[in-house]
Protein backbone atom coordinates (compact mmCIF):
# COMPACT_ATOMS: atom_id res chain seq x y z
CA UNK A 1 18.44 -15.68 -12.77
CA UNK A 2 18.41 -13.17 -15.21
CA UNK A 3 18.60 -16.30 -17.50
CA UNK A 4 15.97 -18.38 -15.91
CA UNK A 5 12.95 -15.94 -15.19
CA UNK A 6 11.88 -15.28 -18.75
CA UNK A 7 11.10 -18.76 -19.29
CA UNK A 8 9.54 -19.61 -15.70
CA UNK A 9 8.41 -17.21 -14.28
CA UNK A 10 7.86 -13.69 -16.53
CA UNK A 11 4.18 -12.57 -16.74
CA UNK A 12 4.30 -13.57 -20.13
CA UNK A 13 5.11 -17.30 -20.45
CA UNK A 14 3.04 -17.97 -17.36
CA UNK A 15 0.00 -20.29 -18.26
CA UNK A 16 -2.78 -18.53 -16.13
CA UNK A 17 -5.12 -20.96 -17.04
CA UNK A 18 -3.32 -24.14 -15.68
CA UNK A 19 -5.70 -25.33 -13.18
CA UNK A 20 -2.83 -26.52 -10.64
CA UNK A 21 -2.03 -23.27 -10.24
CA UNK A 22 -5.49 -21.88 -8.83
CA UNK A 23 -6.05 -25.09 -7.02
CA UNK A 24 -2.72 -24.56 -5.25
CA UNK A 25 -4.29 -21.14 -4.19
CA UNK A 26 -7.52 -22.11 -3.06
CA UNK A 27 -6.10 -24.79 -0.81
CA UNK A 28 -3.03 -22.93 0.15
CA UNK A 29 -0.83 -25.66 -0.26
CA UNK A 30 2.32 -23.93 -1.40
CA UNK A 31 4.06 -22.72 1.51
CA UNK A 32 4.50 -18.68 1.91
CA UNK A 33 2.42 -17.68 -0.86
CA UNK A 34 2.93 -14.11 -1.03
CA UNK A 35 0.38 -11.80 0.33
CA UNK A 36 -1.35 -15.13 1.27
CA UNK A 37 0.82 -16.10 3.74
CA UNK A 38 -0.70 -15.20 7.12
CA UNK A 39 -3.93 -16.07 8.84
CA UNK A 40 -6.45 -13.27 6.93
CA UNK A 41 -4.46 -14.49 3.22
CA UNK A 42 -5.14 -18.07 3.78
CA UNK A 43 -8.84 -17.57 4.80
CA UNK A 44 -9.03 -14.69 1.85
CA UNK A 45 -7.83 -17.82 -0.80
CA UNK A 46 -9.55 -20.66 0.94
CA UNK A 47 -12.66 -18.62 0.87
CA UNK A 48 -12.82 -17.11 -2.42
CA UNK A 49 -10.93 -19.85 -3.98
CA UNK A 50 -9.43 -17.56 -6.96
CA UNK A 51 -9.32 -18.91 -10.73
CA UNK A 52 -7.54 -16.37 -12.61
CA UNK A 53 -5.12 -13.25 -11.46
CA UNK A 54 -8.32 -10.75 -12.29
CA UNK A 55 -9.50 -12.16 -9.09
CA UNK A 56 -6.63 -12.83 -7.17
CA UNK A 57 -6.00 -9.35 -7.57
CA UNK A 58 -9.32 -8.16 -5.91
CA UNK A 59 -8.80 -10.49 -3.44
CA UNK A 60 -5.61 -8.80 -2.80
CA UNK A 61 -7.36 -5.47 -2.36
CA UNK A 62 -10.52 -6.72 -0.11
CA UNK A 63 -8.39 -8.69 2.59
CA UNK A 64 -7.08 -5.60 3.70
CA UNK A 65 -10.58 -3.59 3.61
CA UNK A 66 -12.10 -3.45 7.22
CA UNK A 67 -16.02 -3.56 8.68
CA UNK A 68 -17.35 -1.89 11.27
CA UNK A 69 -18.42 -4.27 14.18
CA UNK A 70 -21.65 -6.23 13.71
CA UNK A 71 -20.89 -5.36 9.73
CA UNK A 72 -20.48 -7.98 7.08
CA UNK A 73 -16.90 -8.23 5.63
CA UNK A 74 -16.59 -6.86 2.28
CA UNK A 75 -14.70 -10.04 1.84
CA UNK A 76 -17.61 -11.94 2.65
CA UNK A 77 -19.90 -9.47 0.62
CA UNK A 78 -17.86 -10.30 -2.14
CA UNK A 79 -18.53 -13.73 -1.88
CA UNK A 80 -21.75 -13.50 -1.61
CA UNK A 81 -22.19 -11.21 -4.55
CA UNK A 82 -20.16 -13.10 -6.73
CA UNK A 83 -22.01 -16.28 -6.14
CA UNK A 84 -25.74 -14.22 -6.66
CA UNK A 85 -25.01 -12.32 -10.02
CA UNK A 86 -27.18 -9.06 -9.81
CA UNK A 87 -27.64 -8.94 -6.07
CA UNK A 88 -25.84 -5.87 -5.73
CA UNK A 89 -28.74 -4.13 -8.67
CA UNK A 90 -31.51 -5.79 -6.48
CA UNK A 91 -30.12 -3.87 -3.32
CA UNK A 92 -29.19 -0.62 -5.11
CA UNK A 93 -33.35 -1.05 -6.78
CA UNK A 94 -34.33 -1.67 -3.18
CA UNK A 95 -32.38 1.77 -1.77
CA UNK A 96 -34.20 3.34 -4.18
CA UNK A 97 -31.71 3.86 -7.38
CA UNK A 98 -33.18 3.65 -10.81
CA UNK A 99 -33.06 1.34 -13.77
CA UNK A 100 -31.14 4.34 -15.17
CA UNK A 101 -28.80 5.08 -12.35
CA UNK A 102 -27.99 1.54 -11.73
CA UNK A 103 -27.02 1.60 -15.42
CA UNK A 104 -24.72 4.32 -14.78
CA UNK A 105 -23.14 2.37 -11.80
CA UNK A 106 -22.54 -0.97 -13.78
CA UNK A 107 -18.92 -0.38 -15.53
CA UNK A 108 -17.95 0.07 -11.89
CA UNK A 109 -19.61 -2.54 -9.86
CA UNK A 110 -19.88 -5.33 -12.26
CA UNK A 111 -16.26 -5.81 -12.37
CA UNK A 112 -15.93 -6.83 -9.08
CA UNK A 113 -19.00 -8.41 -8.09
CA UNK A 114 -20.58 -5.36 -6.79
CA UNK A 115 -17.90 -4.41 -3.76
CA UNK A 116 -15.57 -2.27 -5.20
CA UNK A 117 -12.51 -2.40 -3.62
CA UNK A 118 -9.60 -0.12 -5.35
CA UNK A 119 -8.56 3.29 -4.99
CA UNK A 120 -8.96 4.25 -8.61
CA UNK A 121 -12.50 2.75 -8.87
CA UNK A 122 -13.69 5.12 -5.80
CA UNK A 123 -12.04 8.04 -7.68
CA UNK A 124 -13.83 6.95 -10.72
CA UNK A 125 -17.19 6.96 -8.79
CA UNK A 126 -16.57 10.20 -7.76
CA UNK A 127 -15.72 12.03 -10.96
CA UNK A 128 -18.39 10.21 -13.12
CA UNK A 129 -20.45 13.06 -14.46
CA UNK A 130 -23.68 11.39 -13.49
CA UNK A 131 -22.73 10.35 -9.65
CA UNK A 132 -20.34 13.34 -8.15
CA UNK A 133 -18.54 14.63 -11.11
CA UNK A 134 -15.27 15.32 -8.77
CA UNK A 135 -12.42 16.89 -10.64
CA UNK A 136 -9.77 14.76 -10.91
CA UNK A 137 -7.84 16.49 -8.05
CA UNK A 138 -10.79 16.56 -5.98
CA UNK A 139 -11.57 12.79 -6.16
CA UNK A 140 -7.36 12.22 -5.42
CA UNK A 141 -7.88 14.17 -1.93
CA UNK A 142 -11.06 12.40 -1.50
CA UNK A 143 -9.00 9.34 -2.01
CA UNK A 144 -6.39 10.60 0.26
CA UNK A 145 -9.21 11.34 2.87
CA UNK A 146 -10.31 7.51 2.72
CA UNK A 147 -7.64 5.49 2.37
CA UNK A 148 -5.98 7.57 5.47
CA UNK A 149 -9.08 7.52 7.44
CA UNK A 150 -8.72 11.17 8.50
CA UNK A 151 -12.03 11.48 10.32
CA UNK A 152 -11.95 15.03 10.63
CA UNK A 153 -12.54 15.27 7.23
CA UNK A 154 -14.73 13.12 6.26
CA UNK A 155 -18.13 14.46 7.35
CA UNK A 156 -17.03 17.00 4.72
CA UNK A 157 -16.18 14.73 1.91
CA UNK A 158 -19.53 13.13 2.69
CA UNK A 159 -21.77 16.28 2.57
CA UNK A 160 -19.64 17.33 -0.73
CA UNK A 161 -20.73 13.40 -2.06
CA UNK A 162 -24.47 13.68 -1.16
CA UNK A 163 -24.64 17.62 -2.69
CA UNK A 164 -22.95 17.08 -5.83
CA UNK A 165 -24.95 13.61 -6.21
CA UNK A 166 -28.37 14.15 -8.06
CA UNK A 167 -30.38 11.74 -6.06
CA UNK A 168 -29.89 11.32 -2.05
CA UNK A 169 -30.84 7.54 -2.79
CA UNK A 170 -27.74 7.03 -5.36
CA UNK A 171 -25.36 8.93 -3.08
CA UNK A 172 -26.46 6.87 -0.12
CA UNK A 173 -26.05 3.81 -2.07
CA UNK A 174 -22.64 4.55 -3.51
CA UNK A 175 -21.49 5.69 0.14
CA UNK A 176 -22.61 2.42 1.87
CA UNK A 177 -21.13 -0.07 -1.06
CA UNK A 178 -18.33 1.67 -2.47
CA UNK A 179 -16.80 4.57 0.17
CA UNK A 180 -17.51 3.65 3.71
CA UNK A 181 -15.97 -0.41 3.47
CA UNK A 182 -12.82 1.57 1.99
CA UNK A 183 -12.31 4.07 5.30
CA UNK A 184 -9.11 3.43 7.03
CA UNK A 185 -7.31 1.56 4.06
CA UNK A 186 -7.77 0.57 0.58
CA UNK A 187 -5.61 -1.08 -1.72
CA UNK A 188 -5.26 0.35 -5.47
CA UNK A 189 -4.94 -2.01 -8.97
CA UNK A 190 -1.45 -0.91 -9.10
CA UNK A 191 0.08 -2.52 -6.19
CA UNK A 192 -2.76 -5.47 -5.97
CA UNK A 193 -1.81 -6.71 -9.64
CA UNK A 194 1.95 -6.92 -9.45
CA UNK A 195 1.32 -8.92 -5.84
CA UNK A 196 -0.63 -10.92 -7.45
CA UNK A 197 1.74 -12.17 -9.85
CA UNK A 198 4.40 -12.63 -7.54
CA UNK A 199 1.74 -14.92 -5.74
CA UNK A 200 1.53 -16.51 -8.74
CA UNK A 201 5.43 -16.98 -9.05
CA UNK A 202 5.58 -18.17 -5.88
CA UNK A 203 2.95 -20.85 -6.50
CA UNK A 204 4.99 -22.27 -9.39
CA UNK A 205 7.93 -22.58 -7.63
CA UNK A 206 6.49 -24.39 -4.88
CA UNK A 207 4.44 -26.91 -7.60
CA UNK A 208 6.34 -27.07 -10.50
CA UNK A 209 9.66 -27.56 -8.93
CA UNK A 210 10.86 -29.88 -6.27
CA UNK A 211 9.16 -28.61 -3.38
CA UNK A 212 12.46 -29.48 -0.97
CA UNK A 213 14.02 -26.39 -2.51
CA UNK A 214 11.35 -23.95 -1.86
CA UNK A 215 10.40 -25.30 1.44
CA UNK A 216 13.89 -25.35 2.49
CA UNK A 217 14.64 -21.39 1.46
CA UNK A 218 11.60 -20.05 3.04
CA UNK A 219 12.41 -21.89 6.58
CA UNK A 220 16.19 -20.17 6.02
CA UNK A 221 14.77 -16.92 5.50
CA UNK A 222 12.44 -17.33 8.57
CA UNK A 223 14.91 -18.76 10.87
CA UNK A 224 17.31 -16.28 9.87
CA UNK A 225 19.79 -18.51 8.98
CA UNK A 226 21.80 -16.57 6.44
CA UNK A 227 22.66 -13.09 6.35
CA UNK A 228 20.05 -11.36 3.58
CA UNK A 229 22.37 -8.79 2.33
CA UNK A 230 24.34 -11.52 1.22
CA UNK A 231 21.60 -13.54 -0.30
CA UNK A 232 20.74 -10.19 -2.52
CA UNK A 233 23.57 -9.90 -3.08
CA UNK A 234 22.63 -12.78 -5.68
CA UNK A 235 20.30 -10.98 -7.58
CA UNK A 236 18.18 -7.76 -7.70
CA UNK A 237 14.97 -10.36 -6.56
CA UNK A 238 13.26 -10.96 -3.24
CA UNK A 239 15.87 -12.37 -0.88
CA UNK A 240 13.71 -15.56 -1.03
CA UNK A 241 13.72 -15.89 -4.79
CA UNK A 242 17.32 -15.39 -4.74
CA UNK A 243 17.63 -18.10 -1.99
CA UNK A 244 15.17 -20.83 -4.17
CA UNK A 245 17.60 -20.27 -6.92
CA UNK A 246 21.00 -20.50 -5.59
CA UNK A 247 19.59 -23.73 -3.62
CA UNK A 248 18.32 -25.02 -7.07
CA UNK A 249 21.74 -24.24 -9.01
CA UNK A 250 23.73 -25.44 -6.34
CA UNK A 251 25.60 -21.97 -6.45
CA UNK A 252 26.33 -22.40 -2.15
CA UNK A 253 26.47 -25.06 0.38
CA UNK A 254 23.16 -23.96 2.23
CA UNK A 255 22.88 -26.39 5.02
CA UNK A 256 22.97 -29.21 2.35
CA UNK A 257 23.62 -30.15 -1.32
CA UNK A 258 22.06 -32.62 -3.77
CA UNK A 259 23.10 -35.65 -3.25
CA UNK A 260 25.29 -37.35 -6.03
CA UNK A 261 24.35 -40.60 -7.46
CA UNK A 262 27.11 -43.31 -6.09
CA UNK A 263 28.37 -45.77 -8.66
């Protein structure tokens, strides 16, 4: 595995512009795409149809954000905002934000089509000297309150944000669009980005090698057909990757072997 990984699966050698990868993700053609293998993940991939690792990473974060009953899902809002560039600016203006305040928000909102989804972005917004000027310690505490939905501390956090912000309209827009959607659970980019590249690697295994190997490896894992500890002893990679390489290299009989051509 250590010899094959750098040639086929290392992020430095993956052709991230290859449309086959993104077509397969958008159509969820590969079995068990990492983090996109359940109903929510498949719905996210089919709805957004990411075309690069950055958007796949955003999807990994967005799919974890929940909406209150009757409210638009952050995932649906992202698609709407992405398909209509500049709409978030119009909404900010309608809520009373000035052109200067919208320009202050741009570095945090433009990269995610107006739907901040990462814990790091939340902290950066709160630390901006023109918004709430939190210290790093205060922003990290706010991140924990939001991510863990510490209900008893949310009113205090909201009050502090509004008290620190120079204009109530700006505070209200930030609260509604950047903080409130993350209440309960939000992901960090340092988790979402690696998750996305593992997802791309699973697509490569399913699309660029004979599919029978990847599909059978997953079926064996899902059926608990083998001792996972035994599989993991083969390498330090996740069990399904280890099993895939054991099968493709034919190190062990796992219910079938590659047939030798008969003379």
